[in-house]
Amino acid sequence: MATGTDQAVGFALVAVSLIIFTYYTTWVILLPFIDSQHVIHKYFLPRAYAVLIPLATGLLLLLFVGLFITYVMLKSQRVTKKAQ
């Protein structure tokens, strides 16, 4: 059973994810259909960033996953060498 702290952290993560999803969906899907002079446009970055930010985030994620796998494999090799 999850503790109260775990539930609070889980709720916060879900809430942040929902806010980011709503913001990004509005930015990418709805904003192109709204007049460019409308006041809502000042709350969003230019549309080019709608592609660049997820791309950079995905590349960083792949980099960290690759580094983690490399670290674990090298650490595993050291342990097997010591055992022999």
C-alpha atoms as a PDB file:
ATOM      1  CA  MET A   1       0.000   0.000   0.000  1.00  0.00           C
ATOM      2  CA  ALA A   2       1.283   3.425  -0.906  1.00  0.00           C
ATOM      3  CA  THR A   3       2.026   5.891   1.861  1.00  0.00           C
ATOM      4  CA  GLY A   4       0.595   9.388   1.977  1.00  0.00           C
ATOM      5  CA  THR A   5       3.868  10.837   0.693  1.00  0.00           C
ATOM      6  CA  ASP A   6       3.917   8.449  -2.265  1.00  0.00           C
ATOM      7  CA  GLN A   7       0.355   9.381  -3.126  1.00  0.00           C
ATOM      8  CA  ALA A   8       1.120  13.107  -2.899  1.00  0.00           C
ATOM      9  CA  VAL A   9       4.167  12.759  -5.139  1.00  0.00           C
ATOM     10  CA  GLY A  10       2.185  10.660  -7.611  1.00  0.00           C
ATOM     11  CA  PHE A  11      -0.624  13.210  -7.664  1.00  0.00           C
ATOM     12  CA  ALA A  12       1.879  16.034  -8.224  1.00  0.00           C
ATOM     13  CA  LEU A  13       3.513  14.149 -11.116  1.00  0.00           C
ATOM     14  CA  VAL A  14       0.146  13.486 -12.742  1.00  0.00           C
ATOM     15  CA  ALA A  15      -0.893  17.135 -12.290  1.00  0.00           C
ATOM     16  CA  VAL A  16       2.351  18.456 -13.822  1.00  0.00           C
ATOM     17  CA  SER A  17       2.051  16.008 -16.723  1.00  0.00           C
ATOM     18  CA  LEU A  18      -1.535  17.096 -17.354  1.00  0.00           C
ATOM     19  CA  ILE A  19      -0.554  20.782 -17.336  1.00  0.00           C
ATOM     20  CA  ILE A  20       2.335  20.173 -19.766  1.00  0.00           C
ATOM     21  CA  PHE A  21       0.118  18.068 -22.048  1.00  0.00           C
ATOM     22  CA  THR A  22      -2.610  20.718 -22.093  1.00  0.00           C
ATOM     23  CA  TYR A  23      -0.127  23.526 -22.773  1.00  0.00           C
ATOM     24  CA  TYR A  24       1.628  21.620 -25.572  1.00  0.00           C
ATOM     25  CA  THR A  25      -1.640  20.497 -27.173  1.00  0.00           C
ATOM     26  CA  THR A  26      -2.944  24.054 -27.158  1.00  0.00           C
ATOM     27  CA  TRP A  27       0.352  25.321 -28.554  1.00  0.00           C
ATOM     28  CA  VAL A  28       0.627  22.813 -31.389  1.00  0.00           C
ATOM     29  CA  ILE A  29      -2.973  22.012 -32.345  1.00  0.00           C
ATOM     30  CA  LEU A  30      -5.151  24.982 -31.437  1.00  0.00           C
ATOM     31  CA  LEU A  31      -2.857  27.989 -31.803  1.00  0.00           C
ATOM     32  CA  PRO A  32      -2.433  27.773 -35.602  1.00  0.00           C
ATOM     33  CA  PHE A  33      -6.198  28.317 -35.971  1.00  0.00           C
ATOM     34  CA  ILE A  34      -6.240  31.451 -33.803  1.00  0.00           C
ATOM     35  CA  ASP A  35      -5.490  34.843 -35.357  1.00  0.00           C
ATOM     36  CA  SER A  36      -1.818  35.762 -34.925  1.00  0.00           C
ATOM     37  CA  GLN A  37      -2.762  39.148 -33.421  1.00  0.00           C
ATOM     38  CA  HIS A  38      -4.759  37.541 -30.607  1.00  0.00           C
ATOM     39  CA  VAL A  39      -3.478  38.138 -27.068  1.00  0.00           C
ATOM     40  CA  ILE A  40      -3.088  34.395 -26.360  1.00  0.00           C
ATOM     41  CA  HIS A  41      -0.052  34.218 -28.657  1.00  0.00           C
ATOM     42  CA  LYS A  42       2.095  36.138 -26.178  1.00  0.00           C
ATOM     43  CA  TYR A  43       1.916  33.179 -23.740  1.00  0.00           C
ATOM     44  CA  PHE A  44       3.529  30.721 -26.163  1.00  0.00           C
ATOM     45  CA  LEU A  45       6.953  30.408 -27.762  1.00  0.00           C
ATOM     46  CA  PRO A  46       7.340  30.452 -31.564  1.00  0.00           C
ATOM     47  CA  ARG A  47       6.146  27.257 -33.268  1.00  0.00           C
ATOM     48  CA  ALA A  48       9.672  26.165 -34.219  1.00  0.00           C
ATOM     49  CA  TYR A  49      10.300  25.405 -30.555  1.00  0.00           C
ATOM     50  CA  ALA A  50       7.347  23.014 -30.572  1.00  0.00           C
ATOM     51  CA  VAL A  51       9.588  20.634 -32.506  1.00  0.00           C
ATOM     52  CA  LEU A  52      12.984  21.561 -31.073  1.00  0.00           C
ATOM     53  CA  ILE A  53      12.119  21.182 -27.376  1.00  0.00           C
ATOM     54  CA  PRO A  54      10.749  17.588 -27.613  1.00  0.00           C
ATOM     55  CA  LEU A  55      13.604  16.672 -29.972  1.00  0.00           C
ATOM     56  CA  ALA A  56      16.265  17.950 -27.563  1.00  0.00           C
ATOM     57  CA  THR A  57      14.499  16.294 -24.628  1.00  0.00           C
ATOM     58  CA  GLY A  58      14.362  12.961 -26.462  1.00  0.00           C
ATOM     59  CA  LEU A  59      18.028  13.151 -27.412  1.00  0.00           C
ATOM     60  CA  LEU A  60      19.013  13.927 -23.811  1.00  0.00           C
ATOM     61  CA  LEU A  61      16.902  11.006 -22.611  1.00  0.00           C
ATOM     62  CA  LEU A  62      18.629   8.658 -25.060  1.00  0.00           C
ATOM     63  CA  LEU A  63      22.019  10.009 -23.982  1.00  0.00           C
ATOM     64  CA  PHE A  64      21.322   9.373 -20.293  1.00  0.00           C
ATOM     65  CA  VAL A  65      19.932   5.894 -20.979  1.00  0.00           C
ATOM     66  CA  GLY A  66      23.035   5.057 -23.027  1.00  0.00           C
ATOM     67  CA  LEU A  67      25.334   6.385 -20.318  1.00  0.00           C
ATOM     68  CA  PHE A  68      23.492   4.390 -17.673  1.00  0.00           C
ATOM     69  CA  ILE A  69      23.713   1.171 -19.704  1.00  0.00           C
ATOM     70  CA  THR A  70      27.423   1.775 -20.344  1.00  0.00           C
ATOM     71  CA  TYR A  71      28.052   2.402 -16.638  1.00  0.00           C
ATOM     72  CA  VAL A  72      26.215  -0.773 -15.606  1.00  0.00           C
ATOM     73  CA  MET A  73      28.037  -2.894 -18.192  1.00  0.00           C
ATOM     74  CA  LEU A  74      31.464  -1.564 -17.162  1.00  0.00           C
ATOM     75  CA  LYS A  75      30.670  -2.071 -13.487  1.00  0.00           C
ATOM     76  CA  SER A  76      29.513  -5.628 -14.223  1.00  0.00           C
ATOM     77  CA  GLN A  77      32.771  -6.410 -16.025  1.00  0.00           C
ATOM     78  CA  ARG A  78      34.815  -5.186 -13.044  1.00  0.00           C
ATOM     79  CA  VAL A  79      32.889  -7.434 -10.656  1.00  0.00           C
ATOM     80  CA  THR A  80      33.387 -10.513 -12.857  1.00  0.00           C
ATOM     81  CA  LYS A  81      37.137  -9.785 -13.160  1.00  0.00           C
ATOM     82  CA  LYS A  82      37.457  -9.559  -9.364  1.00  0.00           C
ATOM     83  CA  ALA A  83      35.565 -12.851  -8.936  1.00  0.00           C
ATOM     84  CA  GLN A  84      37.958 -14.693 -11.220  1.00  0.00           C
END
